[in-house]
Amino acid sequence: MSQSIPIQLQPIPVPVDFRALDINQLLTVICQYVSGTISQNVSFFDSGPNIPSQMTSLVFLNTTQGVFYLWSTTLGRYQAMTQFQPGDTKATFVAGDSPGIGWIVADGRLISTIQGISTTQLSVLQQLFGVGGSLPNLTVPVISGLPSTGAFSGIPISDISPPAGQIGGLPFSSSYDQSESQNLASNTEVLRGSTASLKTSVSSINTVAEQVLAALSGSTVAPLYVNVFIGYP
């Protein structure tokens, strides 16, 4: 958006007498003996769709990327002014690469097969993942319908009764006393009851695990794709 620049003009005393013969001479003298100042802090920079190879202004706006570049005297070229560093990641619903603004999808591809990246961006990838390497294969699943927190840990697990060795340690006389036989029957029934409780607990775990499986495999929510920043072209 264009804005006016507040410039203040002040005349400078002319050191000699002069006589203008025409309007052009008059304007020439006026322009030579007028000083101007800008009353506010104003920055000037060039802009365009492509990054110049030579410095045209200290700051340059790439209108294609919407990114400001600063001229680096050390490197002899423009450097993007951005808060991102190569290797930074973000989660996005965008499934494709955007090399023009520095982002590609981390989907396990070989670096050599990635299309549309610059030599500088290829060098960044090789530094991150090795020459001849591959991108990591990353996605962030967005799942709904999972069991509530504590659904597994809240399932009771019964102890086995009677304790180990109790049945095997029951005394038996040579005549098999009635009370001895009854003790064996009673303890065996306790064992049967505790085993039935364990079955109930295992069944509950199975039901909740099936809910987890259904939520993971049947979710219709679009996944989030992980993008890695490889710098600007």
Protein backbone atom coordinates (compact mmCIF):
# COMPACT_ATOMS: atom_id res chain seq x y z
CA MET A 1 0.00 0.00 0.00
CA SER A 2 1.42 3.39 -1.00
CA GLN A 3 1.94 5.97 1.72
CA SER A 4 3.08 9.57 1.62
CA ILE A 5 6.52 10.40 3.04
CA PRO A 6 6.57 13.50 5.32
CA ILE A 7 9.42 15.56 3.81
CA GLN A 8 10.22 19.05 5.12
CA LEU A 9 11.89 21.49 2.68
CA GLN A 10 13.99 24.45 3.82
CA PRO A 11 15.60 27.13 1.64
CA ILE A 12 19.39 27.60 1.75
CA PRO A 13 20.74 31.12 1.37
CA VAL A 14 22.17 31.69 -2.13
CA PRO A 15 25.77 32.89 -1.71
CA VAL A 16 25.77 35.14 -4.79
CA ASP A 17 23.40 37.43 -6.61
CA PHE A 18 21.90 35.92 -9.70
CA ARG A 19 19.38 36.72 -12.39
CA ALA A 20 17.35 33.95 -13.97
CA LEU A 21 16.87 34.43 -17.71
CA ASP A 22 14.05 31.88 -17.97
CA ILE A 23 11.93 29.59 -15.79
CA ASN A 24 14.31 26.65 -16.22
CA GLN A 25 17.25 28.59 -14.80
CA LEU A 26 15.07 29.69 -11.89
CA LEU A 27 14.01 26.13 -11.11
CA THR A 28 17.62 24.94 -11.32
CA VAL A 29 18.74 27.48 -8.72
CA ILE A 30 15.78 26.68 -6.46
CA CYS A 31 16.55 22.96 -6.55
CA GLN A 32 20.23 23.57 -5.82
CA TYR A 33 19.57 25.69 -2.75
CA VAL A 34 16.80 23.72 -1.02
CA SER A 35 17.44 21.13 1.68
CA GLY A 36 14.97 18.41 2.58
CA THR A 37 14.54 16.23 5.68
CA ILE A 38 12.17 13.39 6.48
CA SER A 39 10.38 14.02 9.74
CA GLN A 40 9.80 10.32 10.54
CA ASN A 41 11.77 7.09 10.44
CA VAL A 42 11.22 5.69 6.95
CA SER A 43 12.77 2.52 5.51
CA PHE A 44 13.30 1.95 1.80
CA PHE A 45 13.64 -1.49 0.26
CA ASP A 46 13.27 -3.14 -3.13
CA SER A 47 10.76 -5.89 -3.85
CA GLY A 48 10.10 -8.38 -6.59
CA PRO A 49 9.22 -12.00 -7.40
CA ASN A 50 12.86 -13.14 -7.63
CA ILE A 51 15.86 -12.71 -5.33
CA PRO A 52 18.55 -10.52 -6.96
CA SER A 53 22.08 -11.91 -7.16
CA GLN A 54 23.48 -8.46 -6.34
CA MET A 55 22.51 -6.09 -3.52
CA THR A 56 19.88 -3.61 -4.64
CA SER A 57 18.85 -2.57 -1.12
CA LEU A 58 19.84 -3.79 2.33
CA VAL A 59 16.43 -5.44 2.73
CA PHE A 60 14.55 -7.09 -0.15
CA LEU A 61 10.93 -8.35 -0.12
CA ASN A 62 10.29 -11.49 -2.16
CA THR A 63 6.71 -10.98 -3.27
CA THR A 64 6.34 -14.60 -4.38
CA GLN A 65 7.16 -16.01 -0.95
CA GLY A 66 6.06 -13.05 1.14
CA VAL A 67 9.43 -13.18 2.90
CA PHE A 68 11.95 -10.42 3.68
CA TYR A 69 15.62 -11.03 2.80
CA LEU A 70 18.64 -9.29 4.30
CA TRP A 71 21.87 -8.81 2.33
CA SER A 72 24.75 -10.74 3.91
CA THR A 73 28.15 -9.14 3.28
CA THR A 74 29.79 -12.34 4.57
CA LEU A 75 28.03 -14.65 2.10
CA GLY A 76 27.62 -12.11 -0.67
CA ARG A 77 23.94 -12.91 -1.14
CA TYR A 78 20.52 -12.33 0.38
CA GLN A 79 19.53 -14.41 3.42
CA ALA A 80 15.90 -15.01 4.38
CA MET A 81 14.77 -13.24 7.55
CA THR A 82 12.73 -16.00 9.23
CA GLN A 83 12.18 -17.49 12.69
CA PHE A 84 12.47 -21.02 11.28
CA GLN A 85 15.70 -23.00 11.24
CA PRO A 86 16.45 -25.90 8.86
CA GLY A 87 15.20 -29.06 10.52
CA ASP A 88 12.24 -27.43 12.28
CA THR A 89 8.97 -29.32 11.87
CA LYS A 90 5.28 -28.48 11.88
CA ALA A 91 2.06 -30.47 11.72
CA THR A 92 -0.30 -29.52 8.91
CA PHE A 93 -3.28 -30.85 6.95
CA VAL A 94 -1.41 -30.02 3.73
CA ALA A 95 -0.19 -33.33 2.28
CA GLY A 96 2.09 -31.94 -0.46
CA ASP A 97 5.47 -30.24 -0.63
CA SER A 98 5.85 -26.45 -0.63
CA PRO A 99 9.55 -26.00 -1.50
CA GLY A 100 9.00 -22.38 -2.58
CA ILE A 101 8.38 -21.46 1.07
CA GLY A 102 10.79 -24.07 2.46
CA TRP A 103 8.54 -26.96 3.59
CA ILE A 104 8.40 -30.60 2.43
CA VAL A 105 6.44 -33.59 3.74
CA ALA A 106 8.41 -36.08 5.84
CA ASP A 107 7.02 -39.23 4.22
CA GLY A 108 10.00 -41.54 3.93
CA ARG A 109 11.06 -40.65 0.36
CA LEU A 110 14.62 -40.87 -0.85
CA ILE A 111 16.15 -37.40 -0.89
CA SER A 112 17.19 -37.93 -4.51
CA THR A 113 13.54 -38.31 -5.60
CA ILE A 114 12.26 -35.01 -4.15
CA GLN A 115 11.19 -32.67 -6.92
CA GLY A 116 11.34 -28.87 -7.14
CA ILE A 117 13.99 -28.16 -4.51
CA SER A 118 17.04 -25.97 -5.03
CA THR A 119 20.68 -26.96 -4.67
CA THR A 120 20.78 -25.13 -1.34
CA GLN A 121 17.73 -27.03 -0.06
CA LEU A 122 19.21 -30.35 -1.25
CA SER A 123 22.37 -29.55 0.72
CA VAL A 124 20.26 -28.91 3.84
CA LEU A 125 18.52 -32.29 3.45
CA GLN A 126 21.84 -34.06 3.02
CA GLN A 127 23.16 -32.40 6.17
CA LEU A 128 20.05 -33.47 8.09
CA PHE A 129 19.61 -37.02 6.78
CA GLY A 130 22.86 -37.89 5.01
CA VAL A 131 23.94 -38.02 1.39
CA GLY A 132 21.76 -40.62 -0.33
CA GLY A 133 19.53 -40.75 2.74
CA SER A 134 15.77 -40.72 3.15
CA LEU A 135 13.26 -38.50 4.86
CA PRO A 136 11.76 -39.84 8.09
CA ASN A 137 8.26 -41.23 7.66
CA LEU A 138 6.15 -39.20 10.09
CA THR A 139 2.43 -38.59 10.50
CA VAL A 140 0.38 -37.39 13.45
CA PRO A 141 -2.86 -39.44 13.60
CA VAL A 142 -5.88 -37.58 14.88
CA ILE A 143 -7.98 -40.22 16.65
CA SER A 144 -11.44 -39.96 18.18
CA GLY A 145 -13.46 -42.51 20.14
CA LEU A 146 -10.64 -43.79 22.35
CA PRO A 147 -11.52 -45.20 25.80
CA SER A 148 -11.34 -42.73 28.64
CA THR A 149 -8.23 -42.28 30.74
CA GLY A 150 -7.89 -45.12 33.26
CA ALA A 151 -10.15 -47.50 31.36
CA PHE A 152 -7.48 -50.21 31.40
CA SER A 153 -5.95 -49.56 34.80
CA GLY A 154 -9.41 -49.42 36.40
CA ILE A 155 -10.23 -53.03 35.50
CA PRO A 156 -9.88 -55.12 38.72
CA ILE A 157 -7.58 -58.15 38.64
CA SER A 158 -8.54 -60.80 41.18
CA ASP A 159 -5.99 -62.87 43.07
CA ILE A 160 -5.93 -66.63 42.55
CA SER A 161 -7.27 -68.50 45.58
CA PRO A 162 -6.47 -70.54 47.52
CA PRO A 163 -2.79 -69.71 47.81
CA ALA A 164 -0.21 -71.94 46.19
CA GLY A 165 0.32 -75.26 47.97
CA GLN A 166 -2.81 -75.14 50.07
CA ILE A 167 -4.67 -77.80 48.12
CA GLY A 168 -1.61 -79.95 47.67
CA GLY A 169 -0.88 -79.70 51.39
CA LEU A 170 -4.26 -80.96 52.57
CA PRO A 171 -3.86 -83.94 54.88
CA PHE A 172 -5.37 -87.30 53.97
CA SER A 173 -5.54 -90.29 56.27
CA SER A 174 -5.54 -93.85 55.10
CA SER A 175 -9.30 -94.04 55.62
CA TYR A 176 -10.03 -90.75 53.73
CA ASP A 177 -11.92 -88.99 56.51
CA GLN A 178 -15.05 -87.17 55.42
CA SER A 179 -13.76 -83.79 56.66
CA GLU A 180 -10.63 -84.21 54.57
CA SER A 181 -12.61 -84.83 51.42
CA GLN A 182 -14.79 -81.82 52.20
CA ASN A 183 -11.72 -79.59 52.59
CA LEU A 184 -10.52 -80.64 49.15
CA ALA A 185 -13.91 -79.94 47.62
CA SER A 186 -14.23 -76.53 49.32
CA ASN A 187 -10.77 -75.36 48.28
CA THR A 188 -11.32 -76.55 44.74
CA GLU A 189 -14.53 -74.52 44.60
CA VAL A 190 -12.64 -71.42 45.77
CA LEU A 191 -10.15 -72.00 42.99
CA ARG A 192 -12.95 -72.26 40.51
CA GLY A 193 -14.46 -68.97 41.73
CA SER A 194 -11.21 -67.03 41.54
CA THR A 195 -10.56 -68.38 38.06
CA ALA A 196 -14.04 -67.22 36.99
CA SER A 197 -13.27 -63.71 38.33
CA LEU A 198 -10.03 -63.69 36.35
CA LYS A 199 -11.98 -64.63 33.24
CA THR A 200 -14.27 -61.65 33.78
CA SER A 201 -11.29 -59.29 34.09
CA VAL A 202 -9.65 -60.66 30.95
CA SER A 203 -12.95 -60.30 29.10
CA SER A 204 -13.18 -56.63 30.14
CA ILE A 205 -9.61 -56.00 28.95
CA ASN A 206 -10.48 -57.63 25.64
CA THR A 207 -13.54 -55.41 25.20
CA VAL A 208 -11.63 -52.18 25.89
CA ALA A 209 -8.72 -53.27 23.66
CA GLU A 210 -11.22 -53.85 20.85
CA GLN A 211 -12.48 -50.29 21.30
CA VAL A 212 -8.92 -49.02 20.92
CA LEU A 213 -8.43 -51.06 17.75
CA ALA A 214 -11.70 -49.81 16.28
CA ALA A 215 -10.80 -46.19 17.05
CA LEU A 216 -7.35 -46.50 15.49
CA SER A 217 -8.40 -48.37 12.35
CA GLY A 218 -11.78 -46.76 11.74
CA SER A 219 -11.09 -43.10 12.42
CA THR A 220 -12.30 -40.86 9.59
CA VAL A 221 -10.51 -37.74 10.86
CA ALA A 222 -7.90 -36.48 8.38
CA PRO A 223 -4.33 -37.13 9.53
CA LEU A 224 -1.86 -34.35 10.23
CA TYR A 225 1.22 -34.44 8.02
CA VAL A 226 4.62 -33.58 9.44
CA ASN A 227 6.54 -31.04 7.33
CA VAL A 228 10.24 -30.35 7.75
CA PHE A 229 11.72 -26.91 7.02
CA ILE A 230 14.65 -27.01 4.56
CA GLY A 231 15.18 -23.27 4.08
CA TYR A 232 14.25 -21.04 1.18
CA PRO A 233 15.48 -21.74 -2.36
